Amino acid sequence: MLIVTTDGIEGKKVAEYLGIVSGDCIVGANVFRDVFARVRDVVGGRAGGYEAALRGAKEHAIEDMIAEAEAAGADAVVAVDLDYEVVGDSMLMVSANGTAVKLG
């Protein structure tokens, strides 16, 4: 399964557009991660716990999008876009959206 952010795939022809596919993942921040992130903000450095949570949420959203595309019989997903949104006070939603296509 090819996943690209562009509208097409170089050297490939889109034979059929199968529709929009998406995947979402919501992750909550935990109290300990919040405390350590605030300490990092004061002393400098990267908030590794948050980075890992964000990376995991992105991977899950993309995996869900791919599963939806495979169920539709797609060979690829083009025009993929990742969106990040804060939900409530302590949750983050990652959405992966694209167009499922059959290649010719």
PDB file of N, CA and C in Angstrom:
ATOM      1  N   MET A   1       0.853  -1.173   0.000  1.00  0.00           N
ATOM      2  CA  MET A   1       0.000   0.000   0.000  1.00  0.00           C
ATOM      3  C   MET A   1       0.898   1.235   0.000  1.00  0.00           C
ATOM      4  N   LEU A   2       0.751   2.046  -1.022  1.00  0.00           N
ATOM      5  CA  LEU A   2       1.500   3.296  -1.100  1.00  0.00           C
ATOM      6  C   LEU A   2       0.705   4.402  -0.410  1.00  0.00           C
ATOM      7  N   ILE A   3       1.384   5.179   0.411  1.00  0.00           N
ATOM      8  CA  ILE A   3       0.767   6.294   1.127  1.00  0.00           C
ATOM      9  C   ILE A   3       1.585   7.538   0.793  1.00  0.00           C
ATOM     10  N   VAL A   4       0.948   8.525   0.166  1.00  0.00           N
ATOM     11  CA  VAL A   4       1.685   9.727  -0.230  1.00  0.00           C
ATOM     12  C   VAL A   4       0.876  10.984   0.099  1.00  0.00           C
ATOM     13  N   THR A   5       1.593  12.078   0.278  1.00  0.00           N
ATOM     14  CA  THR A   5       0.934  13.351   0.549  1.00  0.00           C
ATOM     15  C   THR A   5       0.629  14.122  -0.732  1.00  0.00           C
ATOM     16  N   THR A   6       1.149  13.646  -1.847  1.00  0.00           N
ATOM     17  CA  THR A   6       0.919  14.308  -3.129  1.00  0.00           C
ATOM     18  C   THR A   6      -0.387  13.829  -3.753  1.00  0.00           C
ATOM     19  N   ASP A   7      -0.855  14.556  -4.786  1.00  0.00           N
ATOM     20  CA  ASP A   7      -2.116  14.199  -5.447  1.00  0.00           C
ATOM     21  C   ASP A   7      -2.000  12.984  -6.355  1.00  0.00           C
ATOM     22  N   GLY A   8      -0.778  12.612  -6.694  1.00  0.00           N
ATOM     23  CA  GLY A   8      -0.557  11.467  -7.566  1.00  0.00           C
ATOM     24  C   GLY A   8       0.747  10.792  -7.222  1.00  0.00           C
ATOM     25  N   ILE A   9       1.036   9.717  -7.939  1.00  0.00           N
ATOM     26  CA  ILE A   9       2.263   8.953  -7.707  1.00  0.00           C
ATOM     27  C   ILE A   9       3.029   8.929  -9.019  1.00  0.00           C
ATOM     28  N   GLU A  10       4.239   9.444  -8.987  1.00  0.00           N
ATOM     29  CA  GLU A  10       5.055   9.538 -10.193  1.00  0.00           C
ATOM     30  C   GLU A  10       5.192   8.161 -10.855  1.00  0.00           C
ATOM     31  N   GLY A  11       4.915   8.116 -12.144  1.00  0.00           N
ATOM     32  CA  GLY A  11       5.047   6.881 -12.903  1.00  0.00           C
ATOM     33  C   GLY A  11       3.844   5.954 -12.789  1.00  0.00           C
ATOM     34  N   LYS A  12       2.842   6.345 -12.017  1.00  0.00           N
ATOM     35  CA  LYS A  12       1.627   5.529 -11.842  1.00  0.00           C
ATOM     36  C   LYS A  12       0.418   6.341 -12.283  1.00  0.00           C
ATOM     37  N   LYS A  13      -0.574   5.647 -12.813  1.00  0.00           N
ATOM     38  CA  LYS A  13      -1.806   6.306 -13.224  1.00  0.00           C
ATOM     39  C   LYS A  13      -2.933   5.889 -12.284  1.00  0.00           C
ATOM     40  N   VAL A  14      -3.691   6.857 -11.829  1.00  0.00           N
ATOM     41  CA  VAL A  14      -4.855   6.551 -11.002  1.00  0.00           C
ATOM     42  C   VAL A  14      -5.972   6.076 -11.927  1.00  0.00           C
ATOM     43  N   ALA A  15      -6.399   4.832 -11.742  1.00  0.00           N
ATOM     44  CA  ALA A  15      -7.445   4.259 -12.578  1.00  0.00           C
ATOM     45  C   ALA A  15      -8.832   4.521 -12.001  1.00  0.00           C
ATOM     46  N   GLU A  16      -8.912   4.611 -10.657  1.00  0.00           N
ATOM     47  CA  GLU A  16     -10.221   4.791 -10.023  1.00  0.00           C
ATOM     48  C   GLU A  16     -10.039   5.442  -8.649  1.00  0.00           C
ATOM     49  N   TYR A  17     -10.888   6.415  -8.373  1.00  0.00           N
ATOM     50  CA  TYR A  17     -10.924   7.043  -7.056  1.00  0.00           C
ATOM     51  C   TYR A  17     -12.001   6.343  -6.235  1.00  0.00           C
ATOM     52  N   LEU A  18     -11.627   5.843  -5.071  1.00  0.00           N
ATOM     53  CA  LEU A  18     -12.544   5.057  -4.252  1.00  0.00           C
ATOM     54  C   LEU A  18     -13.168   5.848  -3.111  1.00  0.00           C
ATOM     55  N   GLY A  19     -12.706   7.047  -2.894  1.00  0.00           N
ATOM     56  CA  GLY A  19     -13.303   7.892  -1.866  1.00  0.00           C
ATOM     57  C   GLY A  19     -12.336   8.244  -0.751  1.00  0.00           C
ATOM     58  N   ILE A  20     -12.830   9.060   0.140  1.00  0.00           N
ATOM     59  CA  ILE A  20     -12.036   9.528   1.274  1.00  0.00           C
ATOM     60  C   ILE A  20     -11.937   8.425   2.319  1.00  0.00           C
ATOM     61  N   VAL A  21     -10.742   8.254   2.853  1.00  0.00           N
ATOM     62  CA  VAL A  21     -10.521   7.321   3.960  1.00  0.00           C
ATOM     63  C   VAL A  21      -9.868   8.100   5.103  1.00  0.00           C
ATOM     64  N   SER A  22     -10.121   7.644   6.317  1.00  0.00           N
ATOM     65  CA  SER A  22      -9.565   8.369   7.455  1.00  0.00           C
ATOM     66  C   SER A  22      -9.298   7.434   8.620  1.00  0.00           C
ATOM     67  N   GLY A  23      -8.487   7.915   9.509  1.00  0.00           N
ATOM     68  CA  GLY A  23      -8.196   7.226  10.758  1.00  0.00           C
ATOM     69  C   GLY A  23      -7.970   8.276  11.830  1.00  0.00           C
ATOM     70  N   ASP A  24      -8.414   7.988  13.030  1.00  0.00           N
ATOM     71  CA  ASP A  24      -8.282   8.934  14.133  1.00  0.00           C
ATOM     72  C   ASP A  24      -7.752   8.224  15.364  1.00  0.00           C
ATOM     73  N   CYS A  25      -7.067   8.977  16.190  1.00  0.00           N
ATOM     74  CA  CYS A  25      -6.581   8.453  17.464  1.00  0.00           C
ATOM     75  C   CYS A  25      -6.576   9.596  18.471  1.00  0.00           C
ATOM     76  N   ILE A  26      -7.124   9.334  19.640  1.00  0.00           N
ATOM     77  CA  ILE A  26      -7.114  10.323  20.712  1.00  0.00           C
ATOM     78  C   ILE A  26      -6.269   9.776  21.843  1.00  0.00           C
ATOM     79  N   VAL A  27      -5.320  10.579  22.289  1.00  0.00           N
ATOM     80  CA  VAL A  27      -4.467  10.180  23.409  1.00  0.00           C
ATOM     81  C   VAL A  27      -4.626  11.195  24.527  1.00  0.00           C
ATOM     82  N   GLY A  28      -4.608  10.688  25.735  1.00  0.00           N
ATOM     83  CA  GLY A  28      -4.684  11.555  26.898  1.00  0.00           C
ATOM     84  C   GLY A  28      -3.312  11.719  27.517  1.00  0.00           C
ATOM     85  N   ALA A  29      -3.091  12.879  28.073  1.00  0.00           N
ATOM     86  CA  ALA A  29      -1.834  13.127  28.781  1.00  0.00           C
ATOM     87  C   ALA A  29      -2.018  12.663  30.220  1.00  0.00           C
ATOM     88  N   ASN A  30      -0.969  12.082  30.792  1.00  0.00           N
ATOM     89  CA  ASN A  30      -1.095  11.686  32.186  1.00  0.00           C
ATOM     90  C   ASN A  30      -0.401  12.696  33.093  1.00  0.00           C
ATOM     91  N   VAL A  31      -0.736  12.656  34.362  1.00  0.00           N
ATOM     92  CA  VAL A  31      -0.258  13.645  35.324  1.00  0.00           C
ATOM     93  C   VAL A  31       1.259  13.656  35.407  1.00  0.00           C
ATOM     94  N   PHE A  32       1.898  12.484  35.477  1.00  0.00           N
ATOM     95  CA  PHE A  32       3.353  12.431  35.616  1.00  0.00           C
ATOM     96  C   PHE A  32       4.044  13.001  34.379  1.00  0.00           C
ATOM     97  N   ARG A  33       3.521  12.675  33.200  1.00  0.00           N
ATOM     98  CA  ARG A  33       4.104  13.190  31.962  1.00  0.00           C
ATOM     99  C   ARG A  33       3.977  14.712  31.936  1.00  0.00           C
ATOM    100  N   ASP A  34       2.822  15.245  32.392  1.00  0.00           N
ATOM    101  CA  ASP A  34       2.627  16.697  32.444  1.00  0.00           C
ATOM    102  C   ASP A  34       3.645  17.363  33.354  1.00  0.00           C
ATOM    103  N   VAL A  35       3.877  16.783  34.527  1.00  0.00           N
ATOM    104  CA  VAL A  35       4.824  17.355  35.484  1.00  0.00           C
ATOM    105  C   VAL A  35       6.222  17.378  34.887  1.00  0.00           C
ATOM    106  N   PHE A  36       6.652  16.258  34.322  1.00  0.00           N
ATOM    107  CA  PHE A  36       7.992  16.197  33.738  1.00  0.00           C
ATOM    108  C   PHE A  36       8.125  17.118  32.532  1.00  0.00           C
ATOM    109  N   ALA A  37       7.051  17.280  31.766  1.00  0.00           N
ATOM    110  CA  ALA A  37       7.091  18.184  30.616  1.00  0.00           C
ATOM    111  C   ALA A  37       7.263  19.626  31.087  1.00  0.00           C
ATOM    112  N   ARG A  38       6.596  19.979  32.157  1.00  0.00           N
ATOM    113  CA  ARG A  38       6.743  21.343  32.688  1.00  0.00           C
ATOM    114  C   ARG A  38       8.165  21.582  33.196  1.00  0.00           C
ATOM    115  N   VAL A  39       8.743  20.573  33.845  1.00  0.00           N
ATOM    116  CA  VAL A  39      10.131  20.692  34.309  1.00  0.00           C
ATOM    117  C   VAL A  39      11.047  20.880  33.116  1.00  0.00           C
ATOM    118  N   ARG A  40      10.834  20.116  32.053  1.00  0.00           N
ATOM    119  CA  ARG A  40      11.651  20.241  30.841  1.00  0.00           C
ATOM    120  C   ARG A  40      11.514  21.641  30.241  1.00  0.00           C
ATOM    121  N   ASP A  41      10.277  22.192  30.271  1.00  0.00           N
ATOM    122  CA  ASP A  41      10.076  23.543  29.742  1.00  0.00           C
ATOM    123  C   ASP A  41      10.931  24.555  30.494  1.00  0.00           C
ATOM    124  N   VAL A  42      11.091  24.363  31.800  1.00  0.00           N
ATOM    125  CA  VAL A  42      11.854  25.292  32.623  1.00  0.00           C
ATOM    126  C   VAL A  42      13.350  25.120  32.407  1.00  0.00           C
ATOM    127  N   VAL A  43      13.826  23.869  32.395  1.00  0.00           N
ATOM    128  CA  VAL A  43      15.267  23.615  32.313  1.00  0.00           C
ATOM    129  C   VAL A  43      15.749  23.393  30.877  1.00  0.00           C
ATOM    130  N   GLY A  44      14.845  23.294  29.953  1.00  0.00           N
ATOM    131  CA  GLY A  44      15.217  23.075  28.553  1.00  0.00           C
ATOM    132  C   GLY A  44      15.206  21.603  28.201  1.00  0.00           C
ATOM    133  N   GLY A  45      15.239  21.321  26.953  1.00  0.00           N
ATOM    134  CA  GLY A  45      15.231  19.934  26.488  1.00  0.00           C
ATOM    135  C   GLY A  45      13.908  19.575  25.845  1.00  0.00           C
ATOM    136  N   ARG A  46      13.824  18.349  25.411  1.00  0.00           N
ATOM    137  CA  ARG A  46      12.639  17.868  24.720  1.00  0.00           C
ATOM    138  C   ARG A  46      11.768  17.073  25.666  1.00  0.00           C
ATOM    139  N   ALA A  47      10.465  17.147  25.466  1.00  0.00           N
ATOM    140  CA  ALA A  47       9.506  16.398  26.277  1.00  0.00           C
ATOM    141  C   ALA A  47       9.295  15.034  25.625  1.00  0.00           C
ATOM    142  N   GLY A  48      10.189  14.091  25.949  1.00  0.00           N
ATOM    143  CA  GLY A  48      10.186  12.773  25.302  1.00  0.00           C
ATOM    144  C   GLY A  48       8.894  12.008  25.464  1.00  0.00           C
ATOM    145  N   GLY A  49       8.257  12.106  26.642  1.00  0.00           N
ATOM    146  CA  GLY A  49       6.994  11.399  26.862  1.00  0.00           C
ATOM    147  C   GLY A  49       5.908  11.875  25.920  1.00  0.00           C
ATOM    148  N   TYR A  50       5.813  13.193  25.764  1.00  0.00           N
ATOM    149  CA  TYR A  50       4.821  13.740  24.842  1.00  0.00           C
ATOM    150  C   TYR A  50       5.148  13.384  23.395  1.00  0.00           C
ATOM    151  N   GLU A  51       6.419  13.434  23.052  1.00  0.00           N
ATOM    152  CA  GLU A  51       6.815  13.093  21.686  1.00  0.00           C
ATOM    153  C   GLU A  51       6.460  11.647  21.359  1.00  0.00           C
ATOM    154  N   ALA A  52       6.698  10.751  22.300  1.00  0.00           N
ATOM    155  CA  ALA A  52       6.371   9.336  22.089  1.00  0.00           C
ATOM    156  C   ALA A  52       4.863   9.138  21.958  1.00  0.00           C
ATOM    157  N   ALA A  53       4.089   9.825  22.795  1.00  0.00           N
ATOM    158  CA  ALA A  53       2.630   9.715  22.724  1.00  0.00           C
ATOM    159  C   ALA A  53       2.112  10.245  21.394  1.00  0.00           C
ATOM    160  N   LEU A  54       2.662  11.360  20.949  1.00  0.00           N
ATOM    161  CA  LEU A  54       2.250  11.944  19.682  1.00  0.00           C
ATOM    162  C   LEU A  54       2.621  11.042  18.514  1.00  0.00           C
ATOM    163  N   ARG A  55       3.820  10.492  18.526  1.00  0.00           N
ATOM    164  CA  ARG A  55       4.270   9.585  17.461  1.00  0.00           C
ATOM    165  C   ARG A  55       3.369   8.345  17.407  1.00  0.00           C
ATOM    166  N   GLY A  56       3.044   7.802  18.584  1.00  0.00           N
ATOM    167  CA  GLY A  56       2.172   6.625  18.636  1.00  0.00           C
ATOM    168  C   GLY A  56       0.779   6.927  18.107  1.00  0.00           C
ATOM    169  N   ALA A  57       0.243   8.088  18.466  1.00  0.00           N
ATOM    170  CA  ALA A  57      -1.090   8.471  17.992  1.00  0.00           C
ATOM    171  C   ALA A  57      -1.091   8.636  16.479  1.00  0.00           C
ATOM    172  N   LYS A  58      -0.031   9.232  15.943  1.00  0.00           N
ATOM    173  CA  LYS A  58       0.070   9.411  14.492  1.00  0.00           C
ATOM    174  C   LYS A  58       0.118   8.056  13.791  1.00  0.00           C
ATOM    175  N   GLU A  59       0.913   7.133  14.314  1.00  0.00           N
ATOM    176  CA  GLU A  59       1.024   5.802  13.712  1.00  0.00           C
ATOM    177  C   GLU A  59      -0.312   5.069  13.744  1.00  0.00           C
ATOM    178  N   HIS A  60      -1.040   5.158  14.863  1.00  0.00           N
ATOM    179  CA  HIS A  60      -2.348   4.493  14.962  1.00  0.00           C
ATOM    180  C   HIS A  60      -3.355   5.096  13.978  1.00  0.00           C
ATOM    181  N   ALA A  61      -3.357   6.428  13.854  1.00  0.00           N
ATOM    182  CA  ALA A  61      -4.280   7.075  12.922  1.00  0.00           C
ATOM    183  C   ALA A  61      -3.986   6.641  11.488  1.00  0.00           C
ATOM    184  N   ILE A  62      -2.709   6.582  11.118  1.00  0.00           N
ATOM    185  CA  ILE A  62      -2.335   6.156   9.768  1.00  0.00           C
ATOM    186  C   ILE A  62      -2.694   4.688   9.552  1.00  0.00           C
ATOM    187  N   GLU A  63      -2.450   3.839  10.546  1.00  0.00           N
ATOM    188  CA  GLU A  63      -2.809   2.421  10.436  1.00  0.00           C
ATOM    189  C   GLU A  63      -4.311   2.256  10.223  1.00  0.00           C
ATOM    190  N   ASP A  64      -5.129   3.024  10.943  1.00  0.00           N
ATOM    191  CA  ASP A  64      -6.583   2.948  10.773  1.00  0.00           C
ATOM    192  C   ASP A  64      -7.000   3.408   9.379  1.00  0.00           C
ATOM    193  N   MET A  65      -6.350   4.457   8.864  1.00  0.00           N
ATOM    194  CA  MET A  65      -6.643   4.948   7.524  1.00  0.00           C
ATOM    195  C   MET A  65      -6.295   3.883   6.484  1.00  0.00           C
ATOM    196  N   ILE A  66      -5.144   3.238   6.652  1.00  0.00           N
ATOM    197  CA  ILE A  66      -4.720   2.182   5.720  1.00  0.00           C
ATOM    198  C   ILE A  66      -5.707   1.016   5.753  1.00  0.00           C
ATOM    199  N   ALA A  67      -6.155   0.632   6.940  1.00  0.00           N
ATOM    200  CA  ALA A  67      -7.117  -0.474   7.055  1.00  0.00           C
ATOM    201  C   ALA A  67      -8.412  -0.148   6.314  1.00  0.00           C
ATOM    202  N   GLU A  68      -8.863   1.089   6.410  1.00  0.00           N
ATOM    203  CA  GLU A  68     -10.071   1.503   5.701  1.00  0.00           C
ATOM    204  C   GLU A  68      -9.842   1.464   4.189  1.00  0.00           C
ATOM    205  N   ALA A  69      -8.659   1.898   3.750  1.00  0.00           N
ATOM    206  CA  ALA A  69      -8.331   1.878   2.316  1.00  0.00           C
ATOM    207  C   ALA A  69      -8.252   0.443   1.799  1.00  0.00           C
ATOM    208  N   GLU A  70      -7.624  -0.443   2.567  1.00  0.00           N
ATOM    209  CA  GLU A  70      -7.531  -1.850   2.158  1.00  0.00           C
ATOM    210  C   GLU A  70      -8.919  -2.483   2.063  1.00  0.00           C
ATOM    211  N   ALA A  71      -9.799  -2.145   2.997  1.00  0.00           N
ATOM    212  CA  ALA A  71     -11.164  -2.680   2.965  1.00  0.00           C
ATOM    213  C   ALA A  71     -11.921  -2.210   1.723  1.00  0.00           C
ATOM    214  N   ALA A  72     -11.554  -1.044   1.211  1.00  0.00           N
ATOM    215  CA  ALA A  72     -12.185  -0.513   0.001  1.00  0.00           C
ATOM    216  C   ALA A  72     -11.547  -1.065  -1.269  1.00  0.00           C
ATOM    217  N   GLY A  73     -10.461  -1.837  -1.134  1.00  0.00           N
ATOM    218  CA  GLY A  73      -9.785  -2.413  -2.287  1.00  0.00           C
ATOM    219  C   GLY A  73      -8.757  -1.496  -2.923  1.00  0.00           C
ATOM    220  N   ALA A  74      -8.259  -0.540  -2.187  1.00  0.00           N
ATOM    221  CA  ALA A  74      -7.312   0.441  -2.733  1.00  0.00           C
ATOM    222  C   ALA A  74      -5.908  -0.131  -2.854  1.00  0.00           C
ATOM    223  N   ASP A  75      -5.169   0.416  -3.806  1.00  0.00           N
ATOM    224  CA  ASP A  75      -3.745   0.120  -3.963  1.00  0.00           C
ATOM    225  C   ASP A  75      -2.887   1.184  -3.288  1.00  0.00           C
ATOM    226  N   ALA A  76      -3.488   2.375  -3.102  1.00  0.00           N
ATOM    227  CA  ALA A  76      -2.738   3.507  -2.555  1.00  0.00           C
ATOM    228  C   ALA A  76      -3.699   4.503  -1.923  1.00  0.00           C
ATOM    229  N   VAL A  77      -3.110   5.387  -1.133  1.00  0.00           N
ATOM    230  CA  VAL A  77      -3.851   6.532  -0.594  1.00  0.00           C
ATOM    231  C   VAL A  77      -3.045   7.768  -0.963  1.00  0.00           C
ATOM    232  N   VAL A  78      -3.696   8.688  -1.678  1.00  0.00           N
ATOM    233  CA  VAL A  78      -3.027   9.914  -2.107  1.00  0.00           C
ATOM    234  C   VAL A  78      -3.589  11.106  -1.339  1.00  0.00           C
ATOM    235  N   ALA A  79      -2.873  12.223  -1.422  1.00  0.00           N
ATOM    236  CA  ALA A  79      -3.286  13.481  -0.793  1.00  0.00           C
ATOM    237  C   ALA A  79      -3.508  13.321   0.710  1.00  0.00           C
ATOM    238  N   VAL A  80      -2.627  12.565   1.360  1.00  0.00           N
ATOM    239  CA  VAL A  80      -2.762  12.326   2.799  1.00  0.00           C
ATOM    240  C   VAL A  80      -2.434  13.606   3.569  1.00  0.00           C
ATOM    241  N   ASP A  81      -3.267  13.883   4.553  1.00  0.00           N
ATOM    242  CA  ASP A  81      -3.097  15.053   5.407  1.00  0.00           C
ATOM    243  C   ASP A  81      -3.226  14.607   6.860  1.00  0.00           C
ATOM    244  N   LEU A  82      -2.326  15.070   7.704  1.00  0.00           N
ATOM    245  CA  LEU A  82      -2.392  14.786   9.137  1.00  0.00           C
ATOM    246  C   LEU A  82      -2.824  16.054   9.862  1.00  0.00           C
ATOM    247  N   ASP A  83      -3.819  15.910  10.722  1.00  0.00           N
ATOM    248  CA  ASP A  83      -4.316  17.045  11.502  1.00  0.00           C
ATOM    249  C   ASP A  83      -4.183  16.715  12.980  1.00  0.00           C
ATOM    250  N   TYR A  84      -3.849  17.730  13.759  1.00  0.00           N
ATOM    251  CA  TYR A  84      -3.688  17.596  15.203  1.00  0.00           C
ATOM    252  C   TYR A  84      -4.627  18.581  15.875  1.00  0.00           C
ATOM    253  N   GLU A  85      -5.366  18.114  16.877  1.00  0.00           N
ATOM    254  CA  GLU A  85      -6.346  18.966  17.542  1.00  0.00           C
ATOM    255  C   GLU A  85      -6.345  18.666  19.031  1.00  0.00           C
ATOM    256  N   VAL A  86      -6.405  19.700  19.842  1.00  0.00           N
ATOM    257  CA  VAL A  86      -6.524  19.523  21.284  1.00  0.00           C
ATOM    258  C   VAL A  86      -7.996  19.290  21.607  1.00  0.00           C
ATOM    259  N   VAL A  87      -8.257  18.248  22.398  1.00  0.00           N
ATOM    260  CA  VAL A  87      -9.616  17.909  22.803  1.00  0.00           C
ATOM    261  C   VAL A  87      -9.683  18.025  24.325  1.00  0.00           C
ATOM    262  N   GLY A  88     -10.533  18.906  24.816  1.00  0.00           N
ATOM    263  CA  GLY A  88     -10.620  19.101  26.265  1.00  0.00           C
ATOM    264  C   GLY A  88      -9.339  19.717  26.804  1.00  0.00           C
ATOM    265  N   ASP A  89      -9.055  19.409  28.060  1.00  0.00           N
ATOM    266  CA  ASP A  89      -7.878  19.986  28.711  1.00  0.00           C
ATOM    267  C   ASP A  89      -6.632  19.129  28.578  1.00  0.00           C
ATOM    268  N   SER A  90      -6.822  17.824  28.354  1.00  0.00           N
ATOM    269  CA  SER A  90      -5.647  16.954  28.436  1.00  0.00           C
ATOM    270  C   SER A  90      -5.601  15.860  27.382  1.00  0.00           C
ATOM    271  N   MET A  91      -6.290  16.065  26.269  1.00  0.00           N
ATOM    272  CA  MET A  91      -6.272  15.043  25.223  1.00  0.00           C
ATOM    273  C   MET A  91      -5.890  15.668  23.884  1.00  0.00           C
ATOM    274  N   LEU A  92      -5.292  14.844  23.053  1.00  0.00           N
ATOM    275  CA  LEU A  92      -4.878  15.267  21.727  1.00  0.00           C
ATOM    276  C   LEU A  92      -5.442  14.280  20.714  1.00  0.00           C
ATOM    277  N   MET A  93      -6.048  14.817  19.648  1.00  0.00           N
ATOM    278  CA  MET A  93      -6.575  13.961  18.589  1.00  0.00           C
ATOM    279  C   MET A  93      -5.711  14.132  17.352  1.00  0.00           C
ATOM    280  N   VAL A  94      -5.343  12.999  16.757  1.00  0.00           N
ATOM    281  CA  VAL A  94      -4.602  13.001  15.500  1.00  0.00           C
ATOM    282  C   VAL A  94      -5.517  12.348  14.462  1.00  0.00           C
ATOM    283  N   SER A  95      -5.702  13.014  13.336  1.00  0.00           N
ATOM    284  CA  SER A  95      -6.519  12.494  12.238  1.00  0.00           C
ATOM    285  C   SER A  95      -5.653  12.371  10.991  1.00  0.00           C
ATOM    286  N   ALA A  96      -5.783  11.242  10.315  1.00  0.00           N
ATOM    287  CA  ALA A  96      -5.112  11.014   9.037  1.00  0.00           C
ATOM    288  C   ALA A  96      -6.218  10.855   7.987  1.00  0.00           C
ATOM    289  N   ASN A  97      -6.177  11.658   6.944  1.00  0.00           N
ATOM    290  CA  ASN A  97      -7.199  11.635   5.893  1.00  0.00           C
ATOM    291  C   ASN A  97      -6.532  11.625   4.540  1.00  0.00           C
ATOM    292  N   GLY A  98      -7.151  10.910   3.601  1.00  0.00           N
ATOM    293  CA  GLY A  98      -6.625  10.863   2.243  1.00  0.00           C
ATOM    294  C   GLY A  98      -7.671  10.298   1.299  1.00  0.00           C
ATOM    295  N   THR A  99      -7.276  10.142   0.049  1.00  0.00           N
ATOM    296  CA  THR A  99      -8.162   9.578  -0.968  1.00  0.00           C
ATOM    297  C   THR A  99      -7.638   8.203  -1.375  1.00  0.00           C
ATOM    298  N   ALA A 100      -8.485   7.194  -1.196  1.00  0.00           N
ATOM    299  CA  ALA A 100      -8.137   5.827  -1.599  1.00  0.00           C
ATOM    300  C   ALA A 100      -8.284   5.706  -3.108  1.00  0.00           C
ATOM    301  N   VAL A 101      -7.286   5.085  -3.763  1.00  0.00           N
ATOM    302  CA  VAL A 101      -7.302   4.953  -5.221  1.00  0.00           C
ATOM    303  C   VAL A 101      -6.874   3.555  -5.641  1.00  0.00           C
ATOM    304  N   LYS A 102      -7.339   3.176  -6.847  1.00  0.00           N
ATOM    305  CA  LYS A 102      -6.840   1.989  -7.545  1.00  0.00           C
ATOM    306  C   LYS A 102      -5.890   2.502  -8.611  1.00  0.00           C
ATOM    307  N   LEU A 103      -4.739   1.880  -8.692  1.00  0.00           N
ATOM    308  CA  LEU A 103      -3.753   2.281  -9.692  1.00  0.00           C
ATOM    309  C   LEU A 103      -3.912   1.438 -10.955  1.00  0.00           C
ATOM    310  N   GLY A 104      -3.637   2.074 -12.115  1.00  0.00           N
ATOM    311  CA  GLY A 104      -3.765   1.384 -13.377  1.00  0.00           C
ATOM    312  C   GLY A 104      -2.437   0.916 -13.908  1.00  0.00           C
TER     313      GLY A 104
END
